[in-house]
Amino acid sequence: MDAPLPPIPPRLREAFADRPQRLERLQRALADASDFEAAISRLQDLLSAFIAEARDALEAAQAQADPAAVARAERDLQGLFVARSANGGLGDLDELWRHFHGESGAR
């Protein structure tokens, strides 16, 4: 029987509820994590990659001089900065901690 996958932190699930591709990428990143610290590192790395992608999208929108696309890209980028922060998307990691350590803290 396969072990359950590490859960995506709830604030990240909320932040990306309308972006299933990002949720899928987050789940894949967590799937290979061997422990809590590795899971956090993988999340941080992937969220940083999302930010880089959003910056590229913003630059492309600016180059096209499309005000609506620029506004969307700026909102996305701002949301990603919040998601990457310890007070935002990475602020509630209890489920993930329990996945690796259990209620007793042993694993």
C-alpha atoms as a PDB file:
ATOM      1  CA  MET A   1       0.000   0.000   0.000  1.00  0.00           C
ATOM      2  CA  ASP A   2       1.319   3.442  -0.905  1.00  0.00           C
ATOM      3  CA  ALA A   3       1.925   5.939   1.866  1.00  0.00           C
ATOM      4  CA  PRO A   4      -0.251   9.052   1.739  1.00  0.00           C
ATOM      5  CA  LEU A   5       1.273  12.063   0.039  1.00  0.00           C
ATOM      6  CA  PRO A   6       2.395  14.973   2.182  1.00  0.00           C
ATOM      7  CA  PRO A   7      -0.414  17.537   2.363  1.00  0.00           C
ATOM      8  CA  ILE A   8      -0.132  20.898   0.688  1.00  0.00           C
ATOM      9  CA  PRO A   9      -0.303  23.514   3.463  1.00  0.00           C
ATOM     10  CA  PRO A  10      -3.853  24.917   3.749  1.00  0.00           C
ATOM     11  CA  ARG A  11      -2.903  28.524   3.013  1.00  0.00           C
ATOM     12  CA  LEU A  12      -1.232  27.429  -0.205  1.00  0.00           C
ATOM     13  CA  ARG A  13      -4.270  25.324  -1.128  1.00  0.00           C
ATOM     14  CA  GLU A  14      -6.392  28.448  -0.652  1.00  0.00           C
ATOM     15  CA  ALA A  15      -3.990  30.725  -2.507  1.00  0.00           C
ATOM     16  CA  PHE A  16      -3.912  28.431  -5.537  1.00  0.00           C
ATOM     17  CA  ALA A  17      -7.483  27.126  -5.463  1.00  0.00           C
ATOM     18  CA  ASP A  18      -8.023  28.644  -8.906  1.00  0.00           C
ATOM     19  CA  ARG A  19      -4.646  27.434 -10.214  1.00  0.00           C
ATOM     20  CA  PRO A  20      -4.788  23.615 -10.276  1.00  0.00           C
ATOM     21  CA  GLN A  21      -1.538  23.445 -12.273  1.00  0.00           C
ATOM     22  CA  ARG A  22       0.321  25.091  -9.404  1.00  0.00           C
ATOM     23  CA  LEU A  23      -1.319  22.808  -6.851  1.00  0.00           C
ATOM     24  CA  GLU A  24      -0.267  19.799  -8.912  1.00  0.00           C
ATOM     25  CA  ARG A  25       3.316  21.055  -9.092  1.00  0.00           C
ATOM     26  CA  LEU A  26       3.339  21.658  -5.333  1.00  0.00           C
ATOM     27  CA  GLN A  27       2.052  18.128  -4.698  1.00  0.00           C
ATOM     28  CA  ARG A  28       4.698  16.636  -6.984  1.00  0.00           C
ATOM     29  CA  ALA A  29       7.406  18.617  -5.184  1.00  0.00           C
ATOM     30  CA  LEU A  30       6.205  17.346  -1.820  1.00  0.00           C
ATOM     31  CA  ALA A  31       5.838  13.750  -3.000  1.00  0.00           C
ATOM     32  CA  ASP A  32       9.598  13.188  -3.043  1.00  0.00           C
ATOM     33  CA  ALA A  33      10.354  14.935   0.240  1.00  0.00           C
ATOM     34  CA  SER A  34      11.995  12.629   2.743  1.00  0.00           C
ATOM     35  CA  ASP A  35      11.333  14.756   5.818  1.00  0.00           C
ATOM     36  CA  PHE A  36       9.727  17.986   7.007  1.00  0.00           C
ATOM     37  CA  GLU A  37      12.779  20.134   6.318  1.00  0.00           C
ATOM     38  CA  ALA A  38      13.106  18.789   2.779  1.00  0.00           C
ATOM     39  CA  ALA A  39       9.408  19.445   2.212  1.00  0.00           C
ATOM     40  CA  ILE A  40       9.764  23.073   3.315  1.00  0.00           C
ATOM     41  CA  SER A  41      12.808  23.520   1.104  1.00  0.00           C
ATOM     42  CA  ARG A  42      10.962  22.077  -1.879  1.00  0.00           C
ATOM     43  CA  LEU A  43       7.991  24.370  -1.269  1.00  0.00           C
ATOM     44  CA  GLN A  44      10.223  27.434  -0.978  1.00  0.00           C
ATOM     45  CA  ASP A  45      12.129  26.530  -4.142  1.00  0.00           C
ATOM     46  CA  LEU A  46       8.966  25.953  -6.144  1.00  0.00           C
ATOM     47  CA  LEU A  47       7.306  29.122  -4.882  1.00  0.00           C
ATOM     48  CA  SER A  48      10.450  31.014  -5.912  1.00  0.00           C
ATOM     49  CA  ALA A  49      10.146  29.433  -9.362  1.00  0.00           C
ATOM     50  CA  PHE A  50       6.494  30.551  -9.520  1.00  0.00           C
ATOM     51  CA  ILE A  51       7.656  34.097  -8.706  1.00  0.00           C
ATOM     52  CA  ALA A  52      10.240  33.982 -11.498  1.00  0.00           C
ATOM     53  CA  GLU A  53       7.563  32.768 -13.926  1.00  0.00           C
ATOM     54  CA  ALA A  54       5.213  35.544 -12.794  1.00  0.00           C
ATOM     55  CA  ARG A  55       7.938  38.146 -13.314  1.00  0.00           C
ATOM     56  CA  ASP A  56       8.405  36.850 -16.853  1.00  0.00           C
ATOM     57  CA  ALA A  57       4.652  37.084 -17.435  1.00  0.00           C
ATOM     58  CA  LEU A  58       4.645  40.648 -16.119  1.00  0.00           C
ATOM     59  CA  GLU A  59       7.493  41.626 -18.421  1.00  0.00           C
ATOM     60  CA  ALA A  60       5.680  40.072 -21.375  1.00  0.00           C
ATOM     61  CA  ALA A  61       2.476  41.945 -20.522  1.00  0.00           C
ATOM     62  CA  GLN A  62       4.408  45.193 -20.183  1.00  0.00           C
ATOM     63  CA  ALA A  63       6.101  44.610 -23.540  1.00  0.00           C
ATOM     64  CA  GLN A  64       2.688  44.146 -25.149  1.00  0.00           C
ATOM     65  CA  ALA A  65       1.443  47.323 -23.464  1.00  0.00           C
ATOM     66  CA  ASP A  66      -1.691  45.488 -22.323  1.00  0.00           C
ATOM     67  CA  PRO A  67      -2.933  47.264 -19.175  1.00  0.00           C
ATOM     68  CA  ALA A  68      -5.354  44.470 -18.212  1.00  0.00           C
ATOM     69  CA  ALA A  69      -2.661  41.800 -18.566  1.00  0.00           C
ATOM     70  CA  VAL A  70      -0.197  43.955 -16.622  1.00  0.00           C
ATOM     71  CA  ALA A  71      -2.705  44.362 -13.787  1.00  0.00           C
ATOM     72  CA  ARG A  72      -3.369  40.590 -13.688  1.00  0.00           C
ATOM     73  CA  ALA A  73       0.340  39.808 -13.713  1.00  0.00           C
ATOM     74  CA  GLU A  74       1.016  42.329 -10.927  1.00  0.00           C
ATOM     75  CA  ARG A  75      -1.765  40.800  -8.774  1.00  0.00           C
ATOM     76  CA  ASP A  76      -0.401  37.316  -9.414  1.00  0.00           C
ATOM     77  CA  LEU A  77       3.121  38.379  -8.500  1.00  0.00           C
ATOM     78  CA  GLN A  78       1.965  40.085  -5.306  1.00  0.00           C
ATOM     79  CA  GLY A  79      -0.043  36.994  -4.333  1.00  0.00           C
ATOM     80  CA  LEU A  80       3.004  34.820  -4.897  1.00  0.00           C
ATOM     81  CA  PHE A  81       5.128  36.978  -2.613  1.00  0.00           C
ATOM     82  CA  VAL A  82       2.492  36.496   0.094  1.00  0.00           C
ATOM     83  CA  ALA A  83       2.339  32.759  -0.599  1.00  0.00           C
ATOM     84  CA  ARG A  84       6.136  32.493  -0.283  1.00  0.00           C
ATOM     85  CA  SER A  85       6.230  34.374   3.037  1.00  0.00           C
ATOM     86  CA  ALA A  86       6.336  32.795   6.481  1.00  0.00           C
ATOM     87  CA  ASN A  87       3.272  34.822   7.448  1.00  0.00           C
ATOM     88  CA  GLY A  88       1.396  33.877   4.287  1.00  0.00           C
ATOM     89  CA  GLY A  89       1.295  30.559   2.499  1.00  0.00           C
ATOM     90  CA  LEU A  90       4.069  29.060   4.585  1.00  0.00           C
ATOM     91  CA  GLY A  91       2.536  30.229   7.849  1.00  0.00           C
ATOM     92  CA  ASP A  92       0.469  27.154   8.712  1.00  0.00           C
ATOM     93  CA  LEU A  93       2.545  24.011   8.411  1.00  0.00           C
ATOM     94  CA  ASP A  94       0.966  21.933  11.182  1.00  0.00           C
ATOM     95  CA  GLU A  95      -0.551  19.344   8.817  1.00  0.00           C
ATOM     96  CA  LEU A  96       2.744  18.926   7.022  1.00  0.00           C
ATOM     97  CA  TRP A  97       4.617  18.612  10.321  1.00  0.00           C
ATOM     98  CA  ARG A  98       2.186  15.930  11.509  1.00  0.00           C
ATOM     99  CA  HIS A  99       2.578  14.052   8.239  1.00  0.00           C
ATOM    100  CA  PHE A 100       6.292  13.628   8.841  1.00  0.00           C
ATOM    101  CA  HIS A 101       6.364  13.524  12.643  1.00  0.00           C
ATOM    102  CA  GLY A 102       2.938  12.307  13.691  1.00  0.00           C
ATOM    103  CA  GLU A 103       1.207  13.549  16.806  1.00  0.00           C
ATOM    104  CA  SER A 104       3.916  12.047  19.002  1.00  0.00           C
ATOM    105  CA  GLY A 105       6.744  13.641  17.055  1.00  0.00           C
ATOM    106  CA  ALA A 106       8.269  10.268  16.146  1.00  0.00           C
ATOM    107  CA  ARG A 107       8.977   8.977  12.673  1.00  0.00           C
END
